[in-house]
N, C-alpha and C. Protein backbone atom coordinates (compact mmCIF):
# COMPACT_ATOMS: atom_id res chain seq x y z
N MET A 1 58.17 106.27 272.76
CA MET A 1 59.53 105.98 273.23
C MET A 1 60.37 105.56 272.03
N ASP A 2 61.56 106.07 271.96
CA ASP A 2 62.46 105.69 270.89
C ASP A 2 62.91 104.25 271.14
N THR A 3 63.14 103.52 270.06
CA THR A 3 63.37 102.08 270.18
C THR A 3 64.66 101.74 270.91
N THR A 4 65.61 102.67 271.02
CA THR A 4 66.84 102.36 271.75
C THR A 4 66.58 102.26 273.24
N GLY A 5 65.53 102.90 273.75
CA GLY A 5 65.19 102.84 275.16
C GLY A 5 64.45 101.58 275.56
N LEU A 6 64.06 100.78 274.59
CA LEU A 6 63.30 99.56 274.90
C LEU A 6 64.11 98.58 275.73
N GLU A 7 65.40 98.50 275.48
CA GLU A 7 66.25 97.54 276.19
C GLU A 7 66.21 97.73 277.70
N SER A 8 65.98 98.97 278.13
CA SER A 8 65.99 99.25 279.57
C SER A 8 64.68 98.88 280.26
N LEU A 9 63.64 98.56 279.48
CA LEU A 9 62.36 98.21 280.08
C LEU A 9 62.36 96.76 280.57
N SER A 10 61.58 96.51 281.61
CA SER A 10 61.44 95.15 282.12
C SER A 10 60.62 94.32 281.14
N ALA A 11 60.71 93.02 281.26
CA ALA A 11 59.92 92.13 280.41
C ALA A 11 58.43 92.41 280.60
N SER A 12 58.04 92.71 281.82
CA SER A 12 56.63 93.02 282.10
C SER A 12 56.19 94.28 281.35
N GLU A 13 57.03 95.31 281.35
CA GLU A 13 56.70 96.54 280.64
C GLU A 13 56.66 96.32 279.13
N LEU A 14 57.59 95.52 278.61
CA LEU A 14 57.58 95.21 277.18
C LEU A 14 56.33 94.46 276.80
N HIS A 15 55.96 93.47 277.63
CA HIS A 15 54.74 92.69 277.39
C HIS A 15 53.53 93.62 277.35
N GLU A 16 53.41 94.48 278.35
CA GLU A 16 52.26 95.37 278.43
C GLU A 16 52.17 96.28 277.21
N ARG A 17 53.29 96.87 276.82
CA ARG A 17 53.28 97.78 275.66
C ARG A 17 52.92 97.04 274.38
N ALA A 18 53.55 95.89 274.16
CA ALA A 18 53.31 95.14 272.93
C ALA A 18 51.87 94.65 272.86
N VAL A 19 51.38 94.06 273.92
CA VAL A 19 50.01 93.52 273.91
C VAL A 19 48.99 94.64 273.82
N ARG A 20 49.20 95.72 274.55
CA ARG A 20 48.28 96.86 274.50
C ARG A 20 48.22 97.42 273.08
N TYR A 21 49.37 97.58 272.44
CA TYR A 21 49.41 98.10 271.07
C TYR A 21 48.69 97.14 270.12
N ALA A 22 48.99 95.85 270.23
CA ALA A 22 48.38 94.86 269.35
C ALA A 22 46.86 94.83 269.52
N VAL A 23 46.39 94.86 270.74
CA VAL A 23 44.94 94.85 270.99
C VAL A 23 44.31 96.12 270.44
N HIS A 24 44.91 97.26 270.72
CA HIS A 24 44.37 98.55 270.27
C HIS A 24 44.29 98.62 268.74
N HIS A 25 45.27 98.03 268.06
CA HIS A 25 45.32 98.10 266.60
C HIS A 25 44.76 96.84 265.93
N GLY A 26 44.19 95.96 266.72
CA GLY A 26 43.59 94.74 266.16
C GLY A 26 44.60 93.85 265.46
N ASP A 27 45.82 93.82 265.98
CA ASP A 27 46.88 93.02 265.37
C ASP A 27 46.80 91.58 265.88
N LEU A 28 45.84 90.85 265.31
CA LEU A 28 45.65 89.46 265.72
C LEU A 28 46.84 88.58 265.34
N GLY A 29 47.57 88.98 264.31
CA GLY A 29 48.74 88.22 263.91
C GLY A 29 49.78 88.16 265.02
N PHE A 30 50.05 89.30 265.66
CA PHE A 30 51.01 89.31 266.76
C PHE A 30 50.49 88.50 267.93
N LEU A 31 49.21 88.68 268.27
CA LEU A 31 48.65 87.96 269.41
C LEU A 31 48.66 86.45 269.16
N TRP A 32 48.35 86.04 267.93
CA TRP A 32 48.38 84.63 267.57
C TRP A 32 49.82 84.10 267.66
N ASN A 33 50.76 84.89 267.14
CA ASN A 33 52.17 84.48 267.22
C ASN A 33 52.61 84.33 268.67
N LEU A 34 52.17 85.24 269.53
CA LEU A 34 52.51 85.16 270.94
C LEU A 34 52.00 83.84 271.53
N LEU A 35 50.77 83.48 271.21
CA LEU A 35 50.23 82.21 271.70
C LEU A 35 51.03 81.02 271.18
N LYS A 36 51.53 81.13 269.95
CA LYS A 36 52.29 80.02 269.37
C LYS A 36 53.68 79.89 269.99
N VAL A 37 54.30 80.99 270.41
CA VAL A 37 55.67 80.90 270.93
C VAL A 37 55.73 80.67 272.44
N ILE A 38 54.62 80.85 273.13
CA ILE A 38 54.63 80.63 274.58
C ILE A 38 55.06 79.22 274.96
N PRO A 39 54.57 78.16 274.31
CA PRO A 39 55.03 76.82 274.72
C PRO A 39 56.54 76.64 274.61
N ALA A 40 57.15 77.17 273.56
CA ALA A 40 58.60 77.05 273.42
C ALA A 40 59.31 77.87 274.49
N ALA A 41 58.77 79.05 274.80
CA ALA A 41 59.36 79.87 275.86
C ALA A 41 59.24 79.18 277.21
N GLU A 42 58.10 78.53 277.45
CA GLU A 42 57.93 77.79 278.69
C GLU A 42 58.91 76.63 278.77
N ALA A 43 59.11 75.94 277.66
CA ALA A 43 60.07 74.84 277.64
C ALA A 43 61.48 75.35 277.94
N ALA A 44 61.79 76.53 277.43
CA ALA A 44 63.11 77.11 277.68
C ALA A 44 63.32 77.46 279.15
N THR A 45 62.22 77.67 279.87
CA THR A 45 62.33 77.98 281.29
C THR A 45 62.23 76.73 282.16
N GLY A 46 62.04 75.57 281.52
CA GLY A 46 61.98 74.33 282.28
C GLY A 46 60.57 73.88 282.62
N ARG A 47 59.58 74.65 282.21
CA ARG A 47 58.19 74.24 282.49
C ARG A 47 57.73 73.26 281.42
N GLU A 48 57.06 72.21 281.85
CA GLU A 48 56.54 71.21 280.93
C GLU A 48 55.04 71.43 280.74
N MET A 49 54.61 71.44 279.49
CA MET A 49 53.18 71.64 279.20
C MET A 49 52.61 70.36 278.60
N THR A 50 51.34 70.12 278.84
CA THR A 50 50.66 68.98 278.24
C THR A 50 49.68 69.51 277.20
N ALA A 51 49.42 68.70 276.18
CA ALA A 51 48.53 69.11 275.10
C ALA A 51 47.15 68.51 275.33
N ASP A 52 46.31 69.18 276.08
CA ASP A 52 44.94 68.76 276.28
C ASP A 52 44.08 70.00 276.45
N LEU A 53 42.81 69.83 276.73
CA LEU A 53 41.90 70.96 276.84
C LEU A 53 42.33 71.94 277.93
N SER A 54 42.85 71.42 279.03
CA SER A 54 43.31 72.32 280.08
C SER A 54 44.51 73.13 279.62
N HIS A 55 45.24 72.61 278.63
CA HIS A 55 46.38 73.34 278.08
C HIS A 55 45.92 74.64 277.41
N VAL A 56 44.81 74.60 276.72
CA VAL A 56 44.29 75.81 276.06
C VAL A 56 43.99 76.87 277.10
N SER A 57 43.34 76.50 278.17
CA SER A 57 43.04 77.43 279.24
C SER A 57 44.32 77.96 279.87
N ALA A 58 45.28 77.07 280.11
CA ALA A 58 46.55 77.48 280.71
C ALA A 58 47.32 78.40 279.76
N LEU A 59 47.26 78.12 278.46
CA LEU A 59 47.95 78.94 277.48
C LEU A 59 47.39 80.36 277.45
N LEU A 60 46.07 80.48 277.48
CA LEU A 60 45.45 81.81 277.51
C LEU A 60 45.81 82.55 278.79
N SER A 61 45.81 81.85 279.90
CA SER A 61 46.20 82.45 281.17
C SER A 61 47.66 82.90 281.11
N ASP A 62 48.51 82.06 280.54
CA ASP A 62 49.92 82.41 280.42
C ASP A 62 50.12 83.61 279.50
N ALA A 63 49.31 83.71 278.46
CA ALA A 63 49.43 84.84 277.54
C ALA A 63 49.16 86.16 278.26
N ILE A 64 48.22 86.14 279.17
CA ILE A 64 47.88 87.35 279.92
C ILE A 64 49.03 87.74 280.84
N ALA A 65 49.68 86.74 281.43
CA ALA A 65 50.76 87.01 282.38
C ALA A 65 52.13 86.76 281.77
N ALA A 66 52.23 86.77 280.45
CA ALA A 66 53.47 86.38 279.77
C ALA A 66 54.58 87.42 279.87
N GLY A 67 54.40 88.42 280.68
CA GLY A 67 55.47 89.39 280.88
C GLY A 67 56.18 89.21 282.20
N GLU A 68 55.77 88.22 282.97
CA GLU A 68 56.29 88.04 284.32
C GLU A 68 57.35 86.95 284.39
N GLY A 69 58.29 87.12 285.26
CA GLY A 69 59.26 86.07 285.61
C GLY A 69 60.07 85.53 284.46
N ASP A 70 60.40 84.24 284.57
CA ASP A 70 61.23 83.58 283.56
C ASP A 70 60.56 83.55 282.20
N LEU A 71 59.24 83.38 282.17
CA LEU A 71 58.52 83.36 280.90
C LEU A 71 58.62 84.71 280.21
N GLY A 72 58.46 85.79 280.96
CA GLY A 72 58.60 87.13 280.39
C GLY A 72 59.98 87.34 279.80
N GLU A 73 61.00 86.88 280.52
CA GLU A 73 62.37 87.03 280.02
C GLU A 73 62.59 86.20 278.76
N ALA A 74 62.01 85.00 278.72
CA ALA A 74 62.15 84.15 277.53
C ALA A 74 61.44 84.77 276.32
N LEU A 75 60.38 85.52 276.57
CA LEU A 75 59.63 86.17 275.48
C LEU A 75 60.14 87.57 275.16
N ARG A 76 61.09 88.05 275.92
CA ARG A 76 61.63 89.40 275.73
C ARG A 76 61.99 89.70 274.27
N PRO A 77 62.69 88.80 273.56
CA PRO A 77 63.03 89.08 272.16
C PRO A 77 61.80 89.28 271.26
N VAL A 78 60.72 88.55 271.56
CA VAL A 78 59.49 88.68 270.78
C VAL A 78 58.91 90.09 270.97
N TYR A 79 58.87 90.55 272.20
CA TYR A 79 58.34 91.88 272.48
C TYR A 79 59.22 92.96 271.88
N LEU A 80 60.53 92.82 272.02
CA LEU A 80 61.44 93.82 271.47
C LEU A 80 61.31 93.92 269.95
N GLU A 81 61.25 92.79 269.28
CA GLU A 81 61.10 92.79 267.83
C GLU A 81 59.81 93.49 267.40
N TYR A 82 58.72 93.18 268.09
CA TYR A 82 57.43 93.78 267.75
C TYR A 82 57.43 95.29 268.00
N LEU A 83 57.95 95.69 269.13
CA LEU A 83 57.96 97.12 269.49
C LEU A 83 58.92 97.91 268.60
N ARG A 84 60.00 97.30 268.16
CA ARG A 84 60.89 97.99 267.23
C ARG A 84 60.21 98.19 265.88
N ALA A 85 59.37 97.24 265.50
CA ALA A 85 58.64 97.36 264.23
C ALA A 85 57.49 98.36 264.34
N HIS A 86 57.11 98.72 265.56
CA HIS A 86 56.00 99.66 265.80
C HIS A 86 56.46 100.72 266.79
N PRO A 87 57.33 101.63 266.35
CA PRO A 87 57.91 102.61 267.27
C PRO A 87 56.90 103.56 267.92
N ASP A 88 55.68 103.60 267.38
CA ASP A 88 54.66 104.47 268.01
C ASP A 88 53.93 103.77 269.14
N ALA A 89 54.35 102.53 269.45
CA ALA A 89 53.68 101.76 270.52
C ALA A 89 54.06 102.30 271.89
């Protein structure tokens, strides 16, 4: 898909494309960055996170579903930036 068409995709579709591409190409840097920005994206949506062991589990769960709802929309710029840098995704 040409990068100009990315804007029309839902946050869920952007998440799926970006994560699928990163996993397929072993791009741990992107996946790690995604894990790092999720707490800020959650804060932007009004969700409060706690820093404990259950937070790690919740963070991984959120990373899997990070294309849905308000969180997906908050992460939309992250997905768009990554997919624009990888037009073959």
